[in-house]
Amino acid sequence: MAQSPEDMARTMIANMPAKTGKSLDEWVAIINASDLEKHGEMIKLLKTEHGMTHGFANLVGHAARGGVTLDAAPSPDLVEAQYAGPKAGLRPIHDALIAAVSAFGNDVELAPKKAYVSLRRTKQFGLVQPSTKTRLDLGLNLKGVAPNGRLEASGSFNAMCTHRVRLESVSAVDAEVIGWLREAYDAA
């Protein structure tokens, strides 16, 4: 399974002393002592004066600004909260989509967010979002595929997706929708 951003950050933090000579806390103290406030300035300092690679410098910059969070795992409560109350009737559609995607391979990562669930492989290929009380939106990354019928251009729905499919029932999760999901998965 692909590593989550949090897992990647944990790995980098664990490797930081061996790769850079200091722990994350020591690097953050150096940044704090510099009185730099802009992220780009922090990265420049770490790369030019300390020979740090961009990845480590970026992580230190985010940590210095309080932007690194390493929760143990995404809370399953995020998904529960999405389908609480008036959107509860949409949960079977969500479950049908997740079951279909999970069958594609063991490299599928489900990353729940506050308002949607990101579908990832090596990169995000889709998302599942309960948008209204009666409609769940499936966002897909299908670059180069022309919108057609139910497969709409994403428009203002979500900038992380090229297309959107509006789903109002479990029966709408049909072979056509699963085919689009598979195409997005294969391209990720």
N, C-alpha and C. Protein backbone atom coordinates (compact mmCIF):
# COMPACT_ATOMS: atom_id res chain seq x y z
N MET A 1 0.85 -1.19 0.00
CA MET A 1 0.00 0.00 0.00
C MET A 1 0.89 1.24 0.00
N ALA A 2 0.48 2.25 -0.73
CA ALA A 2 1.24 3.49 -0.78
C ALA A 2 1.28 4.14 0.60
N GLN A 3 2.40 4.79 0.88
CA GLN A 3 2.52 5.47 2.17
C GLN A 3 1.70 6.75 2.15
N SER A 4 1.12 7.06 3.28
CA SER A 4 0.41 8.32 3.43
C SER A 4 1.44 9.43 3.61
N PRO A 5 1.05 10.69 3.39
CA PRO A 5 1.99 11.78 3.65
C PRO A 5 2.50 11.79 5.09
N GLU A 6 1.63 11.39 6.04
CA GLU A 6 2.05 11.35 7.43
C GLU A 6 3.12 10.28 7.65
N ASP A 7 2.93 9.10 7.00
CA ASP A 7 3.92 8.03 7.11
C ASP A 7 5.25 8.47 6.49
N MET A 8 5.18 9.16 5.36
CA MET A 8 6.41 9.63 4.71
C MET A 8 7.13 10.63 5.61
N ALA A 9 6.38 11.52 6.26
CA ALA A 9 6.99 12.50 7.17
C ALA A 9 7.64 11.79 8.35
N ARG A 10 6.97 10.76 8.91
CA ARG A 10 7.55 10.00 10.01
C ARG A 10 8.88 9.37 9.60
N THR A 11 8.92 8.80 8.41
CA THR A 11 10.15 8.18 7.91
C THR A 11 11.26 9.21 7.77
N MET A 12 10.92 10.36 7.20
CA MET A 12 11.93 11.42 7.04
C MET A 12 12.44 11.90 8.39
N ILE A 13 11.53 12.06 9.35
CA ILE A 13 11.94 12.51 10.68
C ILE A 13 12.85 11.48 11.33
N ALA A 14 12.52 10.20 11.17
CA ALA A 14 13.36 9.14 11.75
C ALA A 14 14.74 9.11 11.11
N ASN A 15 14.81 9.40 9.81
CA ASN A 15 16.09 9.37 9.08
C ASN A 15 16.88 10.67 9.18
N MET A 16 16.25 11.73 9.65
CA MET A 16 16.87 13.05 9.65
C MET A 16 18.21 13.11 10.38
N PRO A 17 18.36 12.57 11.59
CA PRO A 17 19.66 12.67 12.25
C PRO A 17 20.79 12.02 11.43
N ALA A 18 20.52 10.87 10.85
CA ALA A 18 21.56 10.18 10.07
C ALA A 18 21.86 10.92 8.77
N LYS A 19 20.85 11.50 8.16
CA LYS A 19 21.03 12.15 6.86
C LYS A 19 21.50 13.60 6.96
N THR A 20 21.13 14.28 8.06
CA THR A 20 21.44 15.71 8.16
C THR A 20 22.33 16.07 9.35
N GLY A 21 22.51 15.12 10.28
CA GLY A 21 23.35 15.38 11.44
C GLY A 21 22.62 15.96 12.64
N LYS A 22 21.34 16.28 12.47
CA LYS A 22 20.57 16.84 13.59
C LYS A 22 19.15 16.28 13.55
N SER A 23 18.48 16.33 14.70
CA SER A 23 17.09 15.91 14.78
C SER A 23 16.18 17.03 14.28
N LEU A 24 14.93 16.71 14.06
CA LEU A 24 13.96 17.72 13.64
C LEU A 24 13.89 18.85 14.66
N ASP A 25 13.85 18.52 15.95
CA ASP A 25 13.78 19.56 16.98
C ASP A 25 14.99 20.49 16.93
N GLU A 26 16.17 19.93 16.67
CA GLU A 26 17.37 20.76 16.57
C GLU A 26 17.30 21.69 15.37
N TRP A 27 16.81 21.18 14.24
CA TRP A 27 16.68 22.03 13.05
C TRP A 27 15.63 23.13 13.26
N VAL A 28 14.52 22.77 13.91
CA VAL A 28 13.48 23.78 14.19
C VAL A 28 14.05 24.87 15.09
N ALA A 29 14.88 24.50 16.06
CA ALA A 29 15.51 25.50 16.94
C ALA A 29 16.40 26.44 16.12
N ILE A 30 17.11 25.91 15.13
CA ILE A 30 17.96 26.75 14.27
C ILE A 30 17.09 27.73 13.48
N ILE A 31 15.98 27.25 12.95
CA ILE A 31 15.07 28.13 12.20
C ILE A 31 14.49 29.19 13.13
N ASN A 32 14.05 28.78 14.31
CA ASN A 32 13.47 29.74 15.26
C ASN A 32 14.48 30.81 15.66
N ALA A 33 15.73 30.42 15.81
CA ALA A 33 16.78 31.39 16.17
C ALA A 33 17.08 32.35 15.03
N SER A 34 16.76 31.97 13.81
CA SER A 34 17.06 32.83 12.65
C SER A 34 16.06 33.97 12.49
N ASP A 35 14.92 33.89 13.17
CA ASP A 35 13.85 34.88 13.07
C ASP A 35 13.24 34.98 11.68
N LEU A 36 13.46 33.98 10.83
CA LEU A 36 12.82 33.98 9.51
C LEU A 36 11.36 33.58 9.68
N GLU A 37 10.50 34.20 8.88
CA GLU A 37 9.08 33.90 8.99
C GLU A 37 8.52 33.25 7.73
N LYS A 38 9.13 33.52 6.58
CA LYS A 38 8.61 32.99 5.32
C LYS A 38 9.19 31.61 5.06
N HIS A 39 8.32 30.72 4.61
CA HIS A 39 8.71 29.34 4.35
C HIS A 39 9.86 29.26 3.34
N GLY A 40 9.77 30.02 2.27
CA GLY A 40 10.81 30.00 1.24
C GLY A 40 12.16 30.45 1.78
N GLU A 41 12.16 31.43 2.66
CA GLU A 41 13.41 31.89 3.26
C GLU A 41 14.02 30.81 4.15
N MET A 42 13.16 30.08 4.87
CA MET A 42 13.65 28.99 5.72
C MET A 42 14.32 27.91 4.87
N ILE A 43 13.65 27.53 3.80
CA ILE A 43 14.20 26.51 2.91
C ILE A 43 15.53 26.96 2.33
N LYS A 44 15.59 28.21 1.90
CA LYS A 44 16.83 28.74 1.32
C LYS A 44 17.97 28.68 2.34
N LEU A 45 17.71 29.09 3.57
CA LEU A 45 18.72 29.05 4.62
C LEU A 45 19.24 27.62 4.83
N LEU A 46 18.31 26.67 4.96
CA LEU A 46 18.70 25.29 5.22
C LEU A 46 19.47 24.67 4.05
N LYS A 47 19.09 25.02 2.84
CA LYS A 47 19.75 24.44 1.67
C LYS A 47 21.12 25.09 1.43
N THR A 48 21.18 26.41 1.53
CA THR A 48 22.44 27.09 1.19
C THR A 48 23.46 27.07 2.32
N GLU A 49 23.02 27.29 3.55
CA GLU A 49 23.97 27.38 4.65
C GLU A 49 24.22 26.06 5.37
N HIS A 50 23.31 25.09 5.18
CA HIS A 50 23.45 23.83 5.90
C HIS A 50 23.51 22.61 4.96
N GLY A 51 23.40 22.86 3.64
CA GLY A 51 23.52 21.78 2.67
C GLY A 51 22.40 20.75 2.71
N MET A 52 21.26 21.14 3.21
CA MET A 52 20.14 20.22 3.34
C MET A 52 19.45 20.05 1.98
N THR A 53 18.92 18.85 1.74
CA THR A 53 18.15 18.63 0.52
C THR A 53 16.81 19.35 0.63
N HIS A 54 16.16 19.55 -0.51
CA HIS A 54 14.90 20.29 -0.51
C HIS A 54 13.84 19.59 0.33
N GLY A 55 13.74 18.26 0.23
CA GLY A 55 12.71 17.54 0.98
C GLY A 55 12.82 17.73 2.48
N PHE A 56 14.03 17.58 3.01
CA PHE A 56 14.23 17.77 4.44
C PHE A 56 14.02 19.24 4.83
N ALA A 57 14.51 20.16 4.00
CA ALA A 57 14.34 21.59 4.29
C ALA A 57 12.86 21.96 4.32
N ASN A 58 12.10 21.43 3.39
CA ASN A 58 10.67 21.69 3.34
C ASN A 58 9.98 21.17 4.61
N LEU A 59 10.33 19.96 5.02
CA LEU A 59 9.75 19.39 6.24
C LEU A 59 10.09 20.23 7.47
N VAL A 60 11.33 20.64 7.58
CA VAL A 60 11.75 21.47 8.72
C VAL A 60 10.99 22.81 8.69
N GLY A 61 10.88 23.40 7.50
CA GLY A 61 10.15 24.67 7.38
C GLY A 61 8.71 24.54 7.84
N HIS A 62 8.06 23.47 7.41
CA HIS A 62 6.67 23.25 7.84
C HIS A 62 6.59 23.02 9.35
N ALA A 63 7.53 22.24 9.87
CA ALA A 63 7.53 21.98 11.32
C ALA A 63 7.74 23.27 12.11
N ALA A 64 8.62 24.12 11.64
CA ALA A 64 8.90 25.39 12.33
C ALA A 64 7.67 26.30 12.33
N ARG A 65 6.84 26.15 11.33
CA ARG A 65 5.64 26.97 11.24
C ARG A 65 4.43 26.27 11.84
N GLY A 66 4.65 25.10 12.47
CA GLY A 66 3.56 24.38 13.12
C GLY A 66 2.69 23.58 12.18
N GLY A 67 3.19 23.27 10.97
CA GLY A 67 2.35 22.61 9.98
C GLY A 67 2.55 21.12 9.84
N VAL A 68 3.33 20.48 10.70
CA VAL A 68 3.51 19.04 10.60
C VAL A 68 2.68 18.37 11.68
N THR A 69 1.70 17.57 11.25
CA THR A 69 0.89 16.81 12.20
C THR A 69 1.06 15.34 11.88
N LEU A 70 1.27 14.56 12.90
CA LEU A 70 1.52 13.14 12.72
C LEU A 70 0.54 12.32 13.55
N ASP A 71 -0.74 12.47 13.26
CA ASP A 71 -1.74 11.65 13.95
C ASP A 71 -1.44 10.19 13.64
N ALA A 72 -1.80 9.32 14.54
CA ALA A 72 -1.52 7.90 14.38
C ALA A 72 -2.10 7.37 13.07
N ALA A 73 -3.30 7.75 12.74
CA ALA A 73 -3.94 7.33 11.50
C ALA A 73 -5.16 8.21 11.28
N PRO A 74 -5.61 8.32 10.03
CA PRO A 74 -6.83 9.09 9.82
C PRO A 74 -7.97 8.47 10.64
N SER A 75 -8.70 9.30 11.29
CA SER A 75 -9.77 8.83 12.15
C SER A 75 -10.93 8.30 11.33
N PRO A 76 -11.39 7.09 11.64
CA PRO A 76 -12.56 6.59 10.93
C PRO A 76 -13.79 7.44 11.22
N ASP A 77 -13.72 8.25 12.27
CA ASP A 77 -14.82 9.14 12.59
C ASP A 77 -15.04 10.18 11.50
N LEU A 78 -14.03 10.47 10.69
CA LEU A 78 -14.20 11.43 9.60
C LEU A 78 -15.25 10.93 8.62
N VAL A 79 -15.19 9.66 8.26
CA VAL A 79 -16.18 9.10 7.34
C VAL A 79 -17.55 9.06 8.01
N GLU A 80 -17.58 8.63 9.26
CA GLU A 80 -18.85 8.60 9.98
C GLU A 80 -19.49 9.98 10.01
N ALA A 81 -18.68 10.99 10.26
CA ALA A 81 -19.21 12.37 10.32
C ALA A 81 -19.75 12.83 8.98
N GLN A 82 -19.12 12.40 7.89
CA GLN A 82 -19.59 12.80 6.56
C GLN A 82 -21.01 12.29 6.29
N TYR A 83 -21.32 11.13 6.85
CA TYR A 83 -22.62 10.50 6.56
C TYR A 83 -23.56 10.54 7.76
N ALA A 84 -23.30 11.43 8.68
CA ALA A 84 -24.18 11.61 9.83
C ALA A 84 -25.37 12.47 9.43
N GLY A 85 -26.44 12.32 10.13
CA GLY A 85 -27.60 13.17 9.93
C GLY A 85 -28.25 13.01 8.57
N PRO A 86 -28.53 14.12 7.91
CA PRO A 86 -29.32 14.07 6.68
C PRO A 86 -28.61 13.37 5.50
N LYS A 87 -27.31 13.14 5.59
CA LYS A 87 -26.58 12.48 4.49
C LYS A 87 -26.43 10.97 4.73
N ALA A 88 -27.04 10.45 5.79
CA ALA A 88 -26.90 9.03 6.13
C ALA A 88 -27.35 8.11 5.00
N GLY A 89 -28.33 8.52 4.26
CA GLY A 89 -28.84 7.70 3.15
C GLY A 89 -27.85 7.52 2.01
N LEU A 90 -26.80 8.33 1.99
CA LEU A 90 -25.79 8.23 0.93
C LEU A 90 -24.70 7.22 1.25
N ARG A 91 -24.63 6.74 2.48
CA ARG A 91 -23.55 5.83 2.89
C ARG A 91 -23.50 4.55 2.04
N PRO A 92 -24.62 3.93 1.66
CA PRO A 92 -24.52 2.75 0.81
C PRO A 92 -23.84 3.02 -0.55
N ILE A 93 -24.01 4.23 -1.09
CA ILE A 93 -23.34 4.58 -2.34
C ILE A 93 -21.84 4.65 -2.10
N HIS A 94 -21.45 5.31 -1.02
CA HIS A 94 -20.05 5.39 -0.62
C HIS A 94 -19.46 3.98 -0.48
N ASP A 95 -20.15 3.12 0.24
CA ASP A 95 -19.66 1.77 0.49
C ASP A 95 -19.50 0.98 -0.81
N ALA A 96 -20.42 1.15 -1.74
CA ALA A 96 -20.33 0.45 -3.03
C ALA A 96 -19.11 0.93 -3.81
N LEU A 97 -18.84 2.23 -3.80
CA LEU A 97 -17.66 2.77 -4.50
C LEU A 97 -16.37 2.26 -3.86
N ILE A 98 -16.32 2.28 -2.54
CA ILE A 98 -15.11 1.83 -1.82
C ILE A 98 -14.87 0.34 -2.07
N ALA A 99 -15.93 -0.46 -2.09
CA ALA A 99 -15.78 -1.88 -2.37
C ALA A 99 -15.23 -2.11 -3.78
N ALA A 100 -15.72 -1.34 -4.74
CA ALA A 100 -15.24 -1.49 -6.12
C ALA A 100 -13.77 -1.10 -6.23
N VAL A 101 -13.40 0.02 -5.64
CA VAL A 101 -12.01 0.50 -5.71
C VAL A 101 -11.07 -0.45 -4.98
N SER A 102 -11.49 -0.96 -3.86
CA SER A 102 -10.64 -1.86 -3.06
C SER A 102 -10.33 -3.14 -3.82
N ALA A 103 -11.18 -3.53 -4.74
CA ALA A 103 -10.95 -4.74 -5.53
C ALA A 103 -9.90 -4.55 -6.61
N PHE A 104 -9.50 -3.31 -6.89
CA PHE A 104 -8.52 -3.04 -7.95
C PHE A 104 -7.12 -3.53 -7.58
N GLY A 105 -6.79 -3.49 -6.31
CA GLY A 105 -5.46 -3.92 -5.89
C GLY A 105 -5.19 -3.52 -4.46
N ASN A 106 -4.11 -4.09 -3.90
CA ASN A 106 -3.80 -3.78 -2.50
C ASN A 106 -3.00 -2.49 -2.36
N ASP A 107 -2.82 -1.76 -3.46
CA ASP A 107 -2.10 -0.49 -3.39
C ASP A 107 -3.04 0.71 -3.31
N VAL A 108 -4.33 0.46 -3.17
CA VAL A 108 -5.30 1.56 -3.04
C VAL A 108 -5.24 2.09 -1.62
N GLU A 109 -5.13 3.39 -1.50
CA GLU A 109 -5.14 4.04 -0.19
C GLU A 109 -6.38 4.90 -0.09
N LEU A 110 -7.12 4.73 0.99
CA LEU A 110 -8.28 5.56 1.28
C LEU A 110 -7.85 6.57 2.32
N ALA A 111 -7.96 7.84 2.00
CA ALA A 111 -7.51 8.90 2.90
C ALA A 111 -8.68 9.81 3.24
N PRO A 112 -9.39 9.51 4.34
CA PRO A 112 -10.52 10.34 4.74
C PRO A 112 -10.09 11.75 5.12
N LYS A 113 -10.81 12.71 4.63
CA LYS A 113 -10.66 14.12 4.99
C LYS A 113 -11.96 14.55 5.66
N LYS A 114 -12.06 15.81 6.00
CA LYS A 114 -13.26 16.29 6.68
C LYS A 114 -14.51 16.18 5.79
N ALA A 115 -14.39 16.51 4.51
CA ALA A 115 -15.57 16.56 3.65
C ALA A 115 -15.61 15.46 2.59
N TYR A 116 -14.54 14.69 2.42
CA TYR A 116 -14.51 13.67 1.37
C TYR A 116 -13.48 12.61 1.72
N VAL A 117 -13.45 11.55 0.90
CA VAL A 117 -12.43 10.51 1.03
C VAL A 117 -11.61 10.53 -0.24
N SER A 118 -10.32 10.75 -0.09
CA SER A 118 -9.40 10.75 -1.22
C SER A 118 -9.06 9.31 -1.58
N LEU A 119 -9.05 9.02 -2.87
CA LEU A 119 -8.68 7.70 -3.38
C LEU A 119 -7.30 7.85 -4.01
N ARG A 120 -6.31 7.12 -3.46
CA ARG A 120 -4.94 7.30 -3.93
C ARG A 120 -4.31 5.96 -4.29
N ARG A 121 -3.35 6.07 -5.15
CA ARG A 121 -2.45 4.96 -5.48
C ARG A 121 -1.07 5.57 -5.32
N THR A 122 -0.33 5.80 -6.39
CA THR A 122 0.90 6.58 -6.27
C THR A 122 0.57 8.06 -6.20
N LYS A 123 -0.62 8.42 -6.68
CA LYS A 123 -1.14 9.78 -6.58
C LYS A 123 -2.66 9.67 -6.51
N GLN A 124 -3.31 10.78 -6.20
CA GLN A 124 -4.76 10.75 -6.10
C GLN A 124 -5.37 10.50 -7.47
N PHE A 125 -6.30 9.55 -7.52
CA PHE A 125 -7.00 9.29 -8.78
C PHE A 125 -8.49 9.57 -8.68
N GLY A 126 -8.96 9.83 -7.47
CA GLY A 126 -10.38 10.14 -7.32
C GLY A 126 -10.71 10.57 -5.91
N LEU A 127 -11.97 10.93 -5.73
CA LEU A 127 -12.47 11.24 -4.39
C LEU A 127 -13.96 10.99 -4.34
N VAL A 128 -14.43 10.69 -3.15
CA VAL A 128 -15.84 10.40 -2.89
C VAL A 128 -16.34 11.44 -1.90
N GLN A 129 -17.36 12.20 -2.31
CA GLN A 129 -17.82 13.31 -1.47
C GLN A 129 -19.34 13.36 -1.40
N PRO A 130 -19.91 13.27 -0.21
CA PRO A 130 -21.35 13.49 -0.08
C PRO A 130 -21.61 14.99 -0.18
N SER A 131 -22.12 15.42 -1.33
CA SER A 131 -22.23 16.86 -1.59
C SER A 131 -23.52 17.48 -1.11
N THR A 132 -24.62 16.76 -1.24
CA THR A 132 -25.91 17.26 -0.76
C THR A 132 -26.59 16.13 0.02
N LYS A 133 -27.79 16.37 0.51
CA LYS A 133 -28.53 15.34 1.23
C LYS A 133 -28.92 14.18 0.31
N THR A 134 -28.99 14.45 -0.97
CA THR A 134 -29.48 13.44 -1.91
C THR A 134 -28.46 13.02 -2.97
N ARG A 135 -27.24 13.59 -2.92
CA ARG A 135 -26.28 13.30 -3.99
C ARG A 135 -24.86 13.15 -3.47
N LEU A 136 -24.21 12.11 -3.93
CA LEU A 136 -22.80 11.90 -3.68
C LEU A 136 -22.07 12.17 -4.98
N ASP A 137 -20.96 12.90 -4.92
CA ASP A 137 -20.16 13.18 -6.12
C ASP A 137 -18.91 12.34 -6.11
N LEU A 138 -18.63 11.72 -7.24
CA LEU A 138 -17.40 10.97 -7.44
C LEU A 138 -16.51 11.82 -8.33
N GLY A 139 -15.39 12.26 -7.78
CA GLY A 139 -14.42 13.02 -8.55
C GLY A 139 -13.38 12.06 -9.11
N LEU A 140 -12.99 12.27 -10.36
CA LEU A 140 -12.03 11.39 -11.03
C LEU A 140 -10.95 12.20 -11.72
N ASN A 141 -9.75 11.65 -11.77
CA ASN A 141 -8.67 12.24 -12.56
C ASN A 141 -8.53 11.42 -13.83
N LEU A 142 -9.07 11.96 -14.91
CA LEU A 142 -9.04 11.30 -16.21
C LEU A 142 -8.55 12.29 -17.27
N LYS A 143 -7.28 12.65 -17.16
CA LYS A 143 -6.73 13.63 -18.09
C LYS A 143 -6.82 13.12 -19.51
N GLY A 144 -7.26 14.00 -20.42
CA GLY A 144 -7.36 13.65 -21.83
C GLY A 144 -8.65 12.96 -22.22
N VAL A 145 -9.54 12.70 -21.26
CA VAL A 145 -10.82 12.06 -21.55
C VAL A 145 -11.88 13.15 -21.67
N ALA A 146 -12.59 13.13 -22.77
CA ALA A 146 -13.63 14.14 -23.00
C ALA A 146 -14.84 13.85 -22.13
N PRO A 147 -15.41 14.88 -21.50
CA PRO A 147 -16.65 14.68 -20.75
C PRO A 147 -17.73 14.16 -21.68
N ASN A 148 -18.58 13.26 -21.15
CA ASN A 148 -19.61 12.68 -21.99
C ASN A 148 -20.71 12.11 -21.09
N GLY A 149 -21.92 12.58 -21.28
CA GLY A 149 -23.05 12.07 -20.50
C GLY A 149 -22.87 12.31 -19.02
N ARG A 150 -22.94 11.23 -18.24
CA ARG A 150 -22.80 11.35 -16.78
C ARG A 150 -21.40 11.76 -16.36
N LEU A 151 -20.42 11.53 -17.19
CA LEU A 151 -19.03 11.91 -16.90
C LEU A 151 -18.86 13.38 -17.30
N GLU A 152 -19.02 14.25 -16.32
CA GLU A 152 -18.97 15.70 -16.55
C GLU A 152 -17.56 16.23 -16.30
N ALA A 153 -17.26 17.40 -16.88
CA ALA A 153 -16.05 18.13 -16.48
C ALA A 153 -16.26 18.54 -15.03
N SER A 154 -15.20 18.53 -14.24
CA SER A 154 -15.36 18.83 -12.81
C SER A 154 -15.78 20.27 -12.56
N GLY A 155 -15.40 21.18 -13.45
CA GLY A 155 -15.77 22.57 -13.26
C GLY A 155 -15.30 23.08 -11.91
N SER A 156 -16.19 23.71 -11.17
CA SER A 156 -15.83 24.27 -9.87
C SER A 156 -16.02 23.25 -8.74
N PHE A 157 -16.40 22.02 -9.06
CA PHE A 157 -16.62 21.00 -8.04
C PHE A 157 -15.38 20.78 -7.18
N ASN A 158 -14.25 20.49 -7.81
CA ASN A 158 -13.03 20.24 -7.05
C ASN A 158 -11.85 20.36 -8.00
N ALA A 159 -10.90 21.21 -7.66
CA ALA A 159 -9.75 21.46 -8.53
C ALA A 159 -8.80 20.26 -8.60
N MET A 160 -8.94 19.30 -7.70
CA MET A 160 -8.06 18.13 -7.70
C MET A 160 -8.53 17.05 -8.66
N CYS A 161 -9.67 17.26 -9.31
CA CYS A 161 -10.24 16.27 -10.23
C CYS A 161 -10.52 16.90 -11.58
N THR A 162 -10.46 16.08 -12.62
CA THR A 162 -10.78 16.56 -13.96
C THR A 162 -12.24 16.34 -14.30
N HIS A 163 -12.87 15.33 -13.66
CA HIS A 163 -14.24 14.96 -13.98
C HIS A 163 -15.05 14.70 -12.70
N ARG A 164 -16.37 14.72 -12.89
CA ARG A 164 -17.29 14.43 -11.78
C ARG A 164 -18.43 13.58 -12.31
N VAL A 165 -18.86 12.63 -11.46
CA VAL A 165 -20.05 11.84 -11.73
C VAL A 165 -20.98 12.04 -10.54
N ARG A 166 -22.20 12.46 -10.80
CA ARG A 166 -23.19 12.66 -9.74
C ARG A 166 -23.96 11.36 -9.52
N LEU A 167 -23.99 10.89 -8.28
CA LEU A 167 -24.62 9.62 -7.96
C LEU A 167 -25.69 9.83 -6.90
N GLU A 168 -26.90 9.32 -7.17
CA GLU A 168 -28.00 9.49 -6.24
C GLU A 168 -28.56 8.17 -5.72
N SER A 169 -28.00 7.03 -6.20
CA SER A 169 -28.45 5.73 -5.72
C SER A 169 -27.33 4.70 -5.91
N VAL A 170 -27.44 3.61 -5.20
CA VAL A 170 -26.44 2.53 -5.32
C VAL A 170 -26.48 1.96 -6.74
N SER A 171 -27.65 1.91 -7.35
CA SER A 171 -27.75 1.36 -8.71
C SER A 171 -26.98 2.20 -9.73
N ALA A 172 -26.69 3.45 -9.38
CA ALA A 172 -25.91 4.31 -10.28
C ALA A 172 -24.43 3.93 -10.30
N VAL A 173 -24.01 3.13 -9.31
CA VAL A 173 -22.63 2.63 -9.28
C VAL A 173 -22.61 1.37 -10.15
N ASP A 174 -22.65 1.59 -11.45
CA ASP A 174 -22.77 0.51 -12.42
C ASP A 174 -21.43 0.24 -13.11
N ALA A 175 -21.45 -0.61 -14.10
CA ALA A 175 -20.22 -1.00 -14.81
C ALA A 175 -19.54 0.21 -15.45
N GLU A 176 -20.32 1.17 -15.93
CA GLU A 176 -19.74 2.36 -16.55
C GLU A 176 -18.94 3.17 -15.53
N VAL A 177 -19.52 3.41 -14.36
CA VAL A 177 -18.85 4.16 -13.29
C VAL A 177 -17.61 3.41 -12.81
N ILE A 178 -17.74 2.11 -12.61
CA ILE A 178 -16.59 1.33 -12.16
C ILE A 178 -15.50 1.33 -13.24
N GLY A 179 -15.89 1.34 -14.50
CA GLY A 179 -14.91 1.44 -15.59
C GLY A 179 -14.14 2.74 -15.55
N TRP A 180 -14.83 3.85 -15.28
CA TRP A 180 -14.13 5.14 -15.17
C TRP A 180 -13.20 5.15 -13.97
N LEU A 181 -13.66 4.58 -12.86
CA LEU A 181 -12.82 4.48 -11.66
C LEU A 181 -11.56 3.67 -11.97
N ARG A 182 -11.73 2.55 -12.68
CA ARG A 182 -10.60 1.70 -13.01
C ARG A 182 -9.61 2.43 -13.93
N GLU A 183 -10.15 3.19 -14.87
CA GLU A 183 -9.29 3.96 -15.78
C GLU A 183 -8.47 4.99 -15.02
N ALA A 184 -9.10 5.66 -14.06
CA ALA A 184 -8.39 6.64 -13.24
C ALA A 184 -7.34 5.96 -12.38
N TYR A 185 -7.71 4.82 -11.79
CA TYR A 185 -6.76 4.03 -10.98
C TYR A 185 -5.55 3.60 -11.82
N ASP A 186 -5.81 3.06 -13.00
CA ASP A 186 -4.72 2.58 -13.87
C ASP A 186 -3.77 3.71 -14.26
N ALA A 187 -4.29 4.93 -14.38
CA ALA A 187 -3.46 6.06 -14.79
C ALA A 187 -2.67 6.67 -13.63
N ALA A 188 -3.02 6.30 -12.39
CA ALA A 188 -2.37 6.90 -11.22
C ALA A 188 -1.03 6.23 -10.93
